Amino acid sequence: RGLAQDSCSFFSTVLDSTLGRASSGGIMAGMPGIEGLSSRDQHAVMTHLNEMTLQENMNMYNNLVERCFSECITDFRTKTLGKGEEECVKRCVQKYMSFSSRVAQRFQEKQQQMAK
């Protein structure tokens, strides 16, 4: 395995530990009006939402890896990350996830204000 594969594996591990493994149970409860749809339409809506969520998560992951890799990985002479690089990646992932969470929270607050 090369440096890029090792780095991606490390980024995945850090991201998983930062995010946790939360499930998306109860998503339909947060969607008023969906219960009025036929089961076929509910399935279509949920499939589309799952695809959009997957795409959004992949975009976030790719942006995270690109940003933290560019910022933290400086030594390409070995295939493993140095201690300083590992710490930098951990900090970068935590900051990125905190920022993303805060933006999502603010967006949700704005949506609720607009709904009133």
Foldseek 3Di string as FASTA:
>chain_A
DALVVQLLVLLVVLLCVLVPDDDPPPVVVVPPPLVVDDPVVNVVVVVVVVVVVVVVVVVLSVVLSVVLCVVQPDDRPDSDDDPRSSVSSNVSSNVSVVVVVVVVVVVVVVVVVVVD
